[in-house]
Structures are given as structure tokens and as C-alpha cells.
Amino acid sequence: MAKMIVDNAKVMSKGQITLPKEIREQLGIGTGDRVTLICEGDQVVMMNAAVYAMKMLQGGMQGEAVKTGLETEEDINALVSEVREEVECL
């Protein structure tokens, strides 16, 4: 589990803040990276945007494999092999 970091950032005239280095490092955020902000009531949760997108994708796909009959790793491997064969025949 990631350690809890409590820090402050000053809001500048254009609404910008500088994220403390330790927080950027823990979130894996570098220059040019994007963040996702989720506001709930009086709290804001900030996440690395790539991590947030992956979590949303995983949540949306939850249970879909079982619905299509993919219940074991062998089922998945068989599907991958089948798709590869189809692609090679094109």
C-alpha cells in the first residue's frame, strides 16, 4: 500500500498549483503527463490519468469474459490462438 502523503500547494492567479515532488513521484506523474480530478463534495481525488482510464476500462469489462464463455486461462489461450490463425490467413 502506498504511503499517505499530506502536503499543501498554493493556488496561483490562473488557478494553477505545483504538485509536490513526493506526490508526483508516488503517482508516477512526469512533465507533460495528464491527471484526472474527481470532485466529491468537499474532497478532490487526483489520479494519474492513464491509471484512471485503465481502472475505468477494467471496471467496465468486469464479468464480460465469463459472459462469452471465457472462464479459464486455457479458454483465453485458445481464443488468442484462433484469432491469430484467422489474422494469418488474411
Protein backbone atom coordinates (compact mmCIF):
# COMPACT_ATOMS: atom_id res chain seq x y z
CA MET A 1 0.00 0.00 0.00
CA ALA A 2 1.28 3.47 -0.89
CA LYS A 3 2.21 5.68 2.00
CA MET A 4 -0.04 8.60 2.87
CA ILE A 5 1.41 11.99 1.99
CA VAL A 6 -0.08 15.19 3.35
CA ASP A 7 1.19 18.38 1.77
CA ASN A 8 -0.03 21.79 0.65
CA ALA A 9 0.08 23.68 -2.62
CA LYS A 10 -0.65 27.36 -3.20
CA VAL A 11 -3.26 28.25 -5.83
CA MET A 12 -1.87 30.86 -8.24
CA SER A 13 -3.82 33.59 -10.06
CA LYS A 14 -4.75 31.33 -13.02
CA GLY A 15 -5.91 28.52 -10.72
CA GLN A 16 -2.65 26.58 -11.16
CA ILE A 17 -0.85 24.65 -8.45
CA THR A 18 2.52 22.94 -8.33
CA LEU A 19 2.29 19.35 -7.17
CA PRO A 20 4.91 18.49 -4.56
CA LYS A 21 7.68 16.25 -5.89
CA GLU A 22 6.94 13.41 -3.48
CA ILE A 23 3.30 13.27 -4.67
CA ARG A 24 4.32 13.37 -8.36
CA GLU A 25 6.72 10.52 -7.74
CA GLN A 26 4.16 8.38 -5.89
CA LEU A 27 1.58 8.91 -8.66
CA GLY A 28 4.14 8.32 -11.41
CA ILE A 29 3.44 11.74 -12.93
CA GLY A 30 6.06 13.48 -15.03
CA THR A 31 6.29 16.57 -17.20
CA GLY A 32 3.52 16.60 -19.79
CA ASP A 33 1.51 13.81 -18.13
CA ARG A 34 -2.19 14.30 -17.50
CA VAL A 35 -4.08 13.88 -14.25
CA THR A 36 -7.73 13.12 -13.59
CA LEU A 37 -9.50 15.07 -10.86
CA ILE A 38 -12.61 13.63 -9.22
CA CYS A 39 -14.57 16.02 -7.02
CA GLU A 40 -16.94 14.55 -4.43
CA GLY A 41 -18.48 17.02 -2.03
CA ASP A 42 -15.64 18.95 -0.43
CA GLN A 43 -12.90 16.50 -1.47
CA VAL A 44 -10.89 16.12 -4.66
CA VAL A 45 -9.16 12.89 -5.62
CA MET A 46 -6.35 13.20 -8.14
CA MET A 47 -5.05 10.24 -10.13
CA ASN A 48 -2.62 9.65 -12.94
CA ALA A 49 -4.99 9.87 -15.95
CA ALA A 50 -3.59 6.70 -17.55
CA VAL A 51 -4.17 4.73 -14.34
CA TYR A 52 -7.70 6.14 -14.04
CA ALA A 53 -8.53 5.21 -17.64
CA MET A 54 -7.30 1.65 -17.08
CA LYS A 55 -9.36 1.30 -13.89
CA MET A 56 -12.48 2.51 -15.72
CA LEU A 57 -11.83 0.06 -18.57
CA GLN A 58 -11.31 -2.81 -16.15
CA GLY A 59 -14.49 -1.90 -14.27
CA GLY A 60 -16.49 -1.73 -17.48
CA MET A 61 -15.19 -5.09 -18.62
CA GLN A 62 -15.82 -6.81 -15.27
CA GLY A 63 -17.58 -10.11 -15.87
CA GLU A 64 -17.59 -9.84 -19.68
CA ALA A 65 -15.19 -12.75 -20.21
CA VAL A 66 -17.43 -15.14 -18.29
CA LYS A 67 -20.47 -13.96 -20.30
CA THR A 68 -18.68 -15.01 -23.50
CA GLY A 69 -17.60 -18.37 -22.11
CA LEU A 70 -14.01 -17.46 -21.26
CA GLU A 71 -13.69 -18.93 -17.78
CA THR A 72 -10.15 -20.30 -17.65
CA GLU A 73 -6.72 -19.29 -18.86
CA GLU A 74 -6.90 -22.19 -21.31
CA ASP A 75 -10.11 -20.71 -22.79
CA ILE A 76 -8.35 -17.39 -23.30
CA ASN A 77 -5.27 -19.01 -24.85
CA ALA A 78 -7.48 -20.98 -27.24
CA LEU A 79 -9.27 -17.77 -28.31
CA VAL A 80 -5.96 -15.97 -28.85
CA SER A 81 -4.68 -18.86 -30.98
CA GLU A 82 -7.90 -18.87 -33.01
CA VAL A 83 -7.72 -15.13 -33.68
CA ARG A 84 -4.04 -15.35 -34.63
CA GLU A 85 -4.82 -18.11 -37.14
CA GLU A 86 -7.61 -16.01 -38.68
CA VAL A 87 -5.31 -12.97 -38.97
CA GLU A 88 -2.54 -15.02 -40.59
CA CYS A 89 -5.00 -16.30 -43.22
CA LEU A 90 -5.89 -12.73 -44.32
